Structures are given as C-alpha cells and as structure tokens.
Amino acid sequence: IIYKKKRKETFPGIKCLLCREVFFYPIQVKPIMEQNSLKKKIYEVAVETLESAAERTRLAIEEAIQAAQEEVNTLDIYESYRSQYLQKSEMFVSQYNKILEQLDILRKINPEEESQNIEFGSIVITDRQKIFVAVGLGKIKVNGDTWFVISPQVPIFEAMKGKKAGDEFIFNNIKHKILQVS
C-alpha cells in the first residue's frame, strides 16, 4: 500500500525523481506469529553458532593432544614443544567448558514464549539496534539483519531491564527508544 503525502513523522518518505512527489510507506509492525518465528530463528542461529564453536574447539583439543603425544616419541630436546601443546590443549578445554556452559544457559530459553517486558530470553528492537538477551555471543546475522546476542550481565541490559515497547532508556548518554519486545 502506498500513501501519498502523509505526515513524515509517521511514515518514511520516498521522493519520486520524475514527478517530485513524496510517497510514504507505512511502517509495518510484524504480527505476533512472525515475531515468534523470528525469535525461534534467532534462537536457532545462536545455538548453531555455539555448537559450531564447541565442535571447532573440540577438534583443536584433539589436535593439540595428538601433537603432544607425537612429541613423546621424540628426543627430550622437544619436551618444551610437548608442554606447549599440553598448555594449548588445557586452554582449549577451558574454552570448550565455557561454550558448553553458555549452551546450557541458552537452552533454558523457551523461544516460543512471549514477553512484554525486557528480561532474559527477550528479543528487543530499539531505534538503534536489535538485541537478543541470552548469552554473551556478540553479533549474528539473521535474515540479513544484524542482531546482538548479549548476556544479562552487560550494562545495556541493566539499563533496559523490565522496560516494554514504547519506553525509553539512556545508555552511554544516548537515548534509545524501544520499538518492540518479544
């Protein structure tokens, strides 16, 4: 649907280069069912990202252990290399355990559950960014959009915790308006 000459505050306008008229397209809020499927998709991408990281880390652990075992059969002058490989494997084991903890926390979220207020498991769309409150994962791409998967321990969550669509909050001296919460 195209509307001619409506208020700019309500609808973003596009100026026709030929006739110079401004056409405004209504901002569409996705129906709740689409929001639920979006939340599921974001959740699935986050789980897949963590599972992929866990698999890569598991393979790195195996490679480091295998390299350390290969050094066992060589001369003692290579003992420092062996200890380096063992240290690497310990580091990877620590990373692997952290990833598994994050997966456990993420799996506590019910992606079909709707929330009106911002809480653990919510997807939040502000005028500046799109956020999924789950675990500290960082940026992910879902349907061509960039989403920030954040932990409830980060300061921006504390600033918006408990708020709902239409509310505003200030973070780092910047005002954010909450457009949607799901």
C-alpha atoms as a PDB file:
ATOM      1  CA  ILE A   1       0.000   0.000   0.000  1.00  0.00           C
ATOM      2  CA  ILE A   2       1.353   3.409  -0.947  1.00  0.00           C
ATOM      3  CA  TYR A   3       0.065   6.609   0.612  1.00  0.00           C
ATOM      4  CA  LYS A   4       0.590   9.976  -1.000  1.00  0.00           C
ATOM      5  CA  LYS A   5       1.588  12.988   1.044  1.00  0.00           C
ATOM      6  CA  LYS A   6       1.124  11.703   4.580  1.00  0.00           C
ATOM      7  CA  ARG A   7       2.928  13.039   7.626  1.00  0.00           C
ATOM      8  CA  LYS A   8       6.682  12.413   7.632  1.00  0.00           C
ATOM      9  CA  GLU A   9       6.761  11.599  11.346  1.00  0.00           C
ATOM     10  CA  THR A  10       4.564   8.567  10.824  1.00  0.00           C
ATOM     11  CA  PHE A  11       5.858   7.179   7.561  1.00  0.00           C
ATOM     12  CA  PRO A  12       9.309   7.322   5.995  1.00  0.00           C
ATOM     13  CA  GLY A  13       9.045   9.048   2.603  1.00  0.00           C
ATOM     14  CA  ILE A  14      10.499   8.329  -0.811  1.00  0.00           C
ATOM     15  CA  LYS A  15      10.641  11.151  -3.336  1.00  0.00           C
ATOM     16  CA  CYS A  16       9.835  10.260  -6.936  1.00  0.00           C
ATOM     17  CA  LEU A  17      12.597  11.566  -9.203  1.00  0.00           C
ATOM     18  CA  LEU A  18      10.218  12.041 -12.144  1.00  0.00           C
ATOM     19  CA  CYS A  19       7.182  13.766 -10.636  1.00  0.00           C
ATOM     20  CA  ARG A  20       8.888  15.051  -7.441  1.00  0.00           C
ATOM     21  CA  GLU A  21       6.014  13.836  -5.261  1.00  0.00           C
ATOM     22  CA  VAL A  22       6.777  12.254  -1.925  1.00  0.00           C
ATOM     23  CA  PHE A  23       5.300   8.825  -1.306  1.00  0.00           C
ATOM     24  CA  PHE A  24       5.125   7.384   2.174  1.00  0.00           C
ATOM     25  CA  TYR A  25       5.127   3.699   3.077  1.00  0.00           C
ATOM     26  CA  PRO A  26       3.550   2.709   6.373  1.00  0.00           C
ATOM     27  CA  ILE A  27       5.932   1.226   8.917  1.00  0.00           C
ATOM     28  CA  GLN A  28       4.819  -2.354   9.293  1.00  0.00           C
ATOM     29  CA  VAL A  29       4.905  -3.996  12.673  1.00  0.00           C
ATOM     30  CA  LYS A  30       5.209  -7.718  12.169  1.00  0.00           C
ATOM     31  CA  PRO A  31       2.335  -9.803  13.518  1.00  0.00           C
ATOM     32  CA  ILE A  32       2.980 -11.765  16.724  1.00  0.00           C
ATOM     33  CA  MET A  33       3.215 -15.057  14.832  1.00  0.00           C
ATOM     34  CA  GLU A  34       6.025 -13.636  12.663  1.00  0.00           C
ATOM     35  CA  GLN A  35       7.740 -12.312  15.802  1.00  0.00           C
ATOM     36  CA  ASN A  36       7.608 -15.791  17.344  1.00  0.00           C
ATOM     37  CA  SER A  37       9.140 -17.336  14.236  1.00  0.00           C
ATOM     38  CA  LEU A  38      11.785 -14.581  14.237  1.00  0.00           C
ATOM     39  CA  LYS A  39      12.600 -15.299  17.878  1.00  0.00           C
ATOM     40  CA  LYS A  40      12.875 -19.019  17.071  1.00  0.00           C
ATOM     41  CA  LYS A  41      15.195 -18.257  14.144  1.00  0.00           C
ATOM     42  CA  ILE A  42      17.428 -16.007  16.268  1.00  0.00           C
ATOM     43  CA  TYR A  43      17.499 -18.668  18.990  1.00  0.00           C
ATOM     44  CA  GLU A  44      18.391 -21.389  16.456  1.00  0.00           C
ATOM     45  CA  VAL A  45      21.194 -19.307  14.918  1.00  0.00           C
ATOM     46  CA  ALA A  46      22.613 -18.613  18.396  1.00  0.00           C
ATOM     47  CA  VAL A  47      22.511 -22.331  19.292  1.00  0.00           C
ATOM     48  CA  GLU A  48      24.080 -23.287  15.944  1.00  0.00           C
ATOM     49  CA  THR A  49      26.830 -20.688  16.440  1.00  0.00           C
ATOM     50  CA  LEU A  50      27.702 -22.042  19.877  1.00  0.00           C
ATOM     51  CA  GLU A  51      27.512 -25.677  18.735  1.00  0.00           C
ATOM     52  CA  SER A  52      29.820 -24.861  15.825  1.00  0.00           C
ATOM     53  CA  ALA A  53      32.280 -23.129  18.183  1.00  0.00           C
ATOM     54  CA  ALA A  54      32.143 -26.147  20.512  1.00  0.00           C
ATOM     55  CA  GLU A  55      32.916 -28.516  17.642  1.00  0.00           C
ATOM     56  CA  ARG A  56      35.842 -26.365  16.410  1.00  0.00           C
ATOM     57  CA  THR A  57      37.232 -26.201  19.950  1.00  0.00           C
ATOM     58  CA  ARG A  58      36.826 -29.954  20.439  1.00  0.00           C
ATOM     59  CA  LEU A  59      38.797 -30.564  17.233  1.00  0.00           C
ATOM     60  CA  ALA A  60      41.517 -28.136  18.379  1.00  0.00           C
ATOM     61  CA  ILE A  61      41.774 -30.061  21.678  1.00  0.00           C
ATOM     62  CA  GLU A  62      42.187 -33.338  19.813  1.00  0.00           C
ATOM     63  CA  GLU A  63      44.852 -31.854  17.520  1.00  0.00           C
ATOM     64  CA  ALA A  64      46.822 -30.395  20.453  1.00  0.00           C
ATOM     65  CA  ILE A  65      46.690 -33.686  22.389  1.00  0.00           C
ATOM     66  CA  GLN A  66      47.695 -35.655  19.299  1.00  0.00           C
ATOM     67  CA  ALA A  67      50.617 -33.281  18.629  1.00  0.00           C
ATOM     68  CA  ALA A  68      51.751 -33.588  22.258  1.00  0.00           C
ATOM     69  CA  GLN A  69      51.618 -37.396  22.054  1.00  0.00           C
ATOM     70  CA  GLU A  70      53.665 -37.383  18.846  1.00  0.00           C
ATOM     71  CA  GLU A  71      56.352 -35.385  20.649  1.00  0.00           C
ATOM     72  CA  VAL A  72      56.545 -38.108  23.353  1.00  0.00           C
ATOM     73  CA  ASN A  73      58.241 -40.429  20.881  1.00  0.00           C
ATOM     74  CA  THR A  74      60.986 -37.953  20.029  1.00  0.00           C
ATOM     75  CA  LEU A  75      64.079 -36.811  21.878  1.00  0.00           C
ATOM     76  CA  ASP A  76      63.990 -34.954  25.195  1.00  0.00           C
ATOM     77  CA  ILE A  77      65.060 -31.720  23.480  1.00  0.00           C
ATOM     78  CA  TYR A  78      61.473 -31.433  22.201  1.00  0.00           C
ATOM     79  CA  GLU A  79      59.986 -31.587  25.709  1.00  0.00           C
ATOM     80  CA  SER A  80      59.250 -27.828  25.673  1.00  0.00           C
ATOM     81  CA  TYR A  81      57.210 -28.265  22.479  1.00  0.00           C
ATOM     82  CA  ARG A  82      55.267 -31.051  24.133  1.00  0.00           C
ATOM     83  CA  SER A  83      54.493 -28.863  27.156  1.00  0.00           C
ATOM     84  CA  GLN A  84      53.359 -26.063  24.821  1.00  0.00           C
ATOM     85  CA  TYR A  85      50.904 -28.420  23.130  1.00  0.00           C
ATOM     86  CA  LEU A  86      49.619 -29.573  26.507  1.00  0.00           C
ATOM     87  CA  GLN A  87      49.141 -25.948  27.607  1.00  0.00           C
ATOM     88  CA  LYS A  88      47.233 -25.295  24.376  1.00  0.00           C
ATOM     89  CA  SER A  89      45.011 -28.283  24.990  1.00  0.00           C
ATOM     90  CA  GLU A  90      44.295 -27.062  28.547  1.00  0.00           C
ATOM     91  CA  MET A  91      43.391 -23.634  27.171  1.00  0.00           C
ATOM     92  CA  PHE A  92      41.056 -25.219  24.606  1.00  0.00           C
ATOM     93  CA  VAL A  93      39.452 -27.403  27.287  1.00  0.00           C
ATOM     94  CA  SER A  94      38.730 -24.279  29.327  1.00  0.00           C
ATOM     95  CA  GLN A  95      37.182 -22.584  26.256  1.00  0.00           C
ATOM     96  CA  TYR A  96      35.186 -25.716  25.479  1.00  0.00           C
ATOM     97  CA  ASN A  97      33.762 -25.832  29.006  1.00  0.00           C
ATOM     98  CA  LYS A  98      32.749 -22.155  28.799  1.00  0.00           C
ATOM     99  CA  ILE A  99      30.981 -22.780  25.478  1.00  0.00           C
ATOM    100  CA  LEU A 100      29.126 -25.750  26.957  1.00  0.00           C
ATOM    101  CA  GLU A 101      28.052 -23.591  29.925  1.00  0.00           C
ATOM    102  CA  GLN A 102      26.747 -20.950  27.504  1.00  0.00           C
ATOM    103  CA  LEU A 103      24.842 -23.614  25.582  1.00  0.00           C
ATOM    104  CA  ASP A 104      23.241 -24.834  28.820  1.00  0.00           C
ATOM    105  CA  ILE A 105      22.178 -21.288  29.692  1.00  0.00           C
ATOM    106  CA  LEU A 106      20.863 -20.656  26.167  1.00  0.00           C
ATOM    107  CA  ARG A 107      18.836 -23.863  26.210  1.00  0.00           C
ATOM    108  CA  LYS A 108      16.948 -22.601  29.271  1.00  0.00           C
ATOM    109  CA  ILE A 109      15.183 -20.118  26.974  1.00  0.00           C
ATOM    110  CA  ASN A 110      11.823 -21.077  25.506  1.00  0.00           C
ATOM    111  CA  PRO A 111      11.877 -19.399  22.060  1.00  0.00           C
ATOM    112  CA  GLU A 112       8.094 -19.657  21.806  1.00  0.00           C
ATOM    113  CA  GLU A 113       7.490 -17.693  24.996  1.00  0.00           C
ATOM    114  CA  GLU A 114       6.327 -14.105  24.550  1.00  0.00           C
ATOM    115  CA  SER A 115       7.379 -11.405  26.977  1.00  0.00           C
ATOM    116  CA  GLN A 116       6.032  -7.884  27.281  1.00  0.00           C
ATOM    117  CA  ASN A 117       8.891  -6.626  29.448  1.00  0.00           C
ATOM    118  CA  ILE A 118      12.588  -6.987  28.695  1.00  0.00           C
ATOM    119  CA  GLU A 119      14.044  -9.977  30.522  1.00  0.00           C
ATOM    120  CA  PHE A 120      16.321 -12.955  29.940  1.00  0.00           C
ATOM    121  CA  GLY A 121      15.227 -14.551  26.651  1.00  0.00           C
ATOM    122  CA  SER A 122      13.654 -11.410  25.147  1.00  0.00           C
ATOM    123  CA  ILE A 123      14.284 -10.052  21.698  1.00  0.00           C
ATOM    124  CA  VAL A 124      14.394  -6.275  21.742  1.00  0.00           C
ATOM    125  CA  ILE A 125      14.238  -3.906  18.802  1.00  0.00           C
ATOM    126  CA  THR A 126      15.265  -0.336  19.567  1.00  0.00           C
ATOM    127  CA  ASP A 127      15.628   2.635  17.266  1.00  0.00           C
ATOM    128  CA  ARG A 128      19.367   1.886  17.179  1.00  0.00           C
ATOM    129  CA  GLN A 129      19.850  -1.895  17.291  1.00  0.00           C
ATOM    130  CA  LYS A 130      18.343  -5.358  17.564  1.00  0.00           C
ATOM    131  CA  ILE A 131      19.171  -7.379  20.666  1.00  0.00           C
ATOM    132  CA  PHE A 132      18.608 -10.930  21.913  1.00  0.00           C
ATOM    133  CA  VAL A 133      19.126 -11.226  25.685  1.00  0.00           C
ATOM    134  CA  ALA A 134      20.650 -14.651  26.216  1.00  0.00           C
ATOM    135  CA  VAL A 135      24.417 -15.211  26.483  1.00  0.00           C
ATOM    136  CA  GLY A 136      27.413 -13.081  25.538  1.00  0.00           C
ATOM    137  CA  LEU A 137      27.746 -14.220  21.940  1.00  0.00           C
ATOM    138  CA  GLY A 138      28.146 -10.934  20.061  1.00  0.00           C
ATOM    139  CA  LYS A 139      26.894 -10.219  16.551  1.00  0.00           C
ATOM    140  CA  ILE A 140      24.951 -12.721  14.488  1.00  0.00           C
ATOM    141  CA  LYS A 141      23.159 -12.380  11.166  1.00  0.00           C
ATOM    142  CA  VAL A 142      19.528 -13.499  10.912  1.00  0.00           C
ATOM    143  CA  ASN A 143      17.557 -12.956   7.721  1.00  0.00           C
ATOM    144  CA  GLY A 144      20.074 -10.314   6.635  1.00  0.00           C
ATOM    145  CA  ASP A 145      19.740  -8.326   9.880  1.00  0.00           C
ATOM    146  CA  THR A 146      22.466  -7.905  12.473  1.00  0.00           C
ATOM    147  CA  TRP A 147      21.442  -8.979  15.971  1.00  0.00           C
ATOM    148  CA  PHE A 148      23.481  -8.538  19.127  1.00  0.00           C
ATOM    149  CA  VAL A 149      23.246 -11.540  21.428  1.00  0.00           C
ATOM    150  CA  ILE A 150      24.018 -10.188  24.886  1.00  0.00           C
ATOM    151  CA  SER A 151      24.288 -11.547  28.390  1.00  0.00           C
ATOM    152  CA  PRO A 152      22.007 -10.280  31.159  1.00  0.00           C
ATOM    153  CA  GLN A 153      25.181  -9.214  32.989  1.00  0.00           C
ATOM    154  CA  VAL A 154      26.091  -6.455  30.496  1.00  0.00           C
ATOM    155  CA  PRO A 155      25.384  -2.807  31.358  1.00  0.00           C
ATOM    156  CA  ILE A 156      22.980  -2.157  28.452  1.00  0.00           C
ATOM    157  CA  PHE A 157      20.700  -4.902  29.747  1.00  0.00           C
ATOM    158  CA  GLU A 158      20.671  -3.307  33.182  1.00  0.00           C
ATOM    159  CA  ALA A 159      19.612  -0.017  31.556  1.00  0.00           C
ATOM    160  CA  MET A 160      16.658  -1.599  29.715  1.00  0.00           C
ATOM    161  CA  LYS A 161      15.663  -4.403  32.107  1.00  0.00           C
ATOM    162  CA  GLY A 162      11.923  -4.516  32.814  1.00  0.00           C
ATOM    163  CA  LYS A 163      11.045  -1.906  30.183  1.00  0.00           C
ATOM    164  CA  LYS A 164       8.458  -2.510  27.448  1.00  0.00           C
ATOM    165  CA  ALA A 165       7.738  -1.347  23.904  1.00  0.00           C
ATOM    166  CA  GLY A 166       7.371   2.428  23.762  1.00  0.00           C
ATOM    167  CA  ASP A 167       9.663   3.051  26.760  1.00  0.00           C
ATOM    168  CA  GLU A 168      12.988   4.825  26.505  1.00  0.00           C
ATOM    169  CA  PHE A 169      16.278   4.325  28.308  1.00  0.00           C
ATOM    170  CA  ILE A 170      19.638   6.045  28.346  1.00  0.00           C
ATOM    171  CA  PHE A 171      22.840   4.102  27.860  1.00  0.00           C
ATOM    172  CA  ASN A 172      26.254   5.788  27.494  1.00  0.00           C
ATOM    173  CA  ASN A 173      24.479   9.162  27.376  1.00  0.00           C
ATOM    174  CA  ILE A 174      22.491   8.062  24.306  1.00  0.00           C
ATOM    175  CA  LYS A 175      18.711   7.801  24.397  1.00  0.00           C
ATOM    176  CA  HIS A 176      17.263   4.566  22.989  1.00  0.00           C
ATOM    177  CA  LYS A 177      13.589   4.056  22.205  1.00  0.00           C
ATOM    178  CA  ILE A 178      12.251   0.515  22.493  1.00  0.00           C
ATOM    179  CA  LEU A 179      10.159  -0.285  19.438  1.00  0.00           C
ATOM    180  CA  GLN A 180       9.332  -3.952  20.080  1.00  0.00           C
ATOM    181  CA  VAL A 181       9.802  -6.587  22.758  1.00  0.00           C
ATOM    182  CA  SER A 182       9.096 -10.254  22.196  1.00  0.00           C
END
